[in-house]
Protein backbone atom coordinates (compact mmCIF):
# COMPACT_ATOMS: atom_id res chain seq x y z
CA MET A 1 -46.46 25.55 6.76
CA ALA A 2 -44.65 22.84 4.93
CA GLU A 3 -45.85 19.33 5.51
CA ALA A 4 -43.62 16.29 5.66
CA ILE A 5 -43.86 14.01 2.66
CA GLU A 6 -44.31 10.38 3.57
CA ARG A 7 -42.35 7.97 1.43
CA ASN A 8 -43.45 4.38 1.45
CA ASP A 9 -40.45 3.06 -0.44
CA PRO A 10 -39.72 -0.53 0.59
CA ASN A 11 -36.12 -0.16 -0.61
CA ALA A 12 -35.36 2.99 1.39
CA TRP A 13 -33.10 0.96 3.69
CA ALA A 14 -30.91 0.13 0.68
CA GLN A 15 -30.36 3.82 0.02
CA TRP A 16 -29.29 4.35 3.62
CA VAL A 17 -26.92 1.40 3.45
CA GLY A 18 -25.52 2.77 0.18
CA TRP A 19 -24.86 6.20 1.67
CA ILE A 20 -23.28 4.66 4.76
CA GLY A 21 -21.08 2.56 2.46
CA ILE A 22 -19.89 5.69 0.68
CA ILE A 23 -19.16 7.48 3.96
CA VAL A 24 -17.29 4.45 5.31
CA GLY A 25 -15.36 4.23 2.02
CA ILE A 26 -14.26 7.84 2.33
CA ALA A 27 -13.26 7.20 5.95
CA ALA A 28 -11.13 4.29 4.72
CA PHE A 29 -8.74 6.77 3.12
CA PHE A 30 -7.94 8.14 6.57
CA ILE A 31 -8.24 5.22 9.01
CA SER A 32 -7.15 1.57 8.67
CA SER A 33 -7.72 1.35 4.94
CA PHE A 34 -7.96 -2.41 4.64
CA TRP A 35 -10.62 -3.12 7.27
CA ILE A 36 -12.70 -0.02 6.73
CA GLY A 37 -12.44 -0.43 2.94
CA ALA A 38 -13.64 -4.02 3.26
CA ALA A 39 -16.61 -2.80 5.30
CA ALA A 40 -17.44 -0.27 2.56
CA ILE A 41 -17.34 -3.04 -0.05
CA ILE A 42 -19.64 -5.24 2.03
CA LEU A 43 -22.09 -2.37 2.57
CA GLY A 44 -22.00 -1.68 -1.17
CA ILE A 45 -22.89 -5.29 -1.92
CA ILE A 46 -25.77 -5.14 0.56
CA ALA A 47 -27.01 -1.95 -1.12
CA LEU A 48 -26.83 -3.69 -4.51
CA CYS A 49 -28.99 -6.53 -3.20
CA GLY A 50 -31.53 -3.94 -2.05
CA LYS A 51 -31.83 -2.43 -5.55
CA SER A 52 -29.78 0.69 -4.81
CA ILE A 53 -27.49 0.12 -7.76
CA THR A 54 -25.63 3.42 -8.09
CA LEU A 55 -24.93 3.93 -4.40
CA GLY A 56 -23.86 0.30 -4.06
CA TRP A 57 -21.34 0.53 -6.87
CA TRP A 58 -19.97 3.80 -5.51
CA GLY A 59 -19.48 2.23 -2.08
CA ILE A 60 -17.72 -0.77 -3.63
CA GLY A 61 -15.54 1.43 -5.83
CA ILE A 62 -14.47 3.83 -3.10
CA GLY A 63 -13.73 0.96 -0.69
CA ALA A 64 -11.70 -0.90 -3.32
CA ALA A 65 -9.80 2.28 -4.24
CA ALA A 66 -8.87 2.82 -0.59
CA ILE A 67 -7.54 -0.74 -0.30
CA ILE A 68 -5.59 -0.51 -3.57
CA ILE A 69 -4.06 2.84 -2.64
CA GLN A 70 -3.03 1.40 0.74
CA TRP A 71 -1.04 -1.32 -1.06
CA PHE A 72 0.99 1.26 -2.99
CA LEU A 73 1.68 3.58 -0.05
């Protein structure tokens, strides 16, 4: 049987926040782009502070793109 691998990464919360930021950013394209996009940017910044650089920048970028696209449509 396969055994679960324990990960004692102190920055694991930052990865979760980064992924949630990306999901919220994608949702911003479909629902209330400004507010949801702002939430994705904030979650991306929190992920950056937790050393999850790539996920944080993706969350910020997707949230900003949703807000910018909302302005043009």
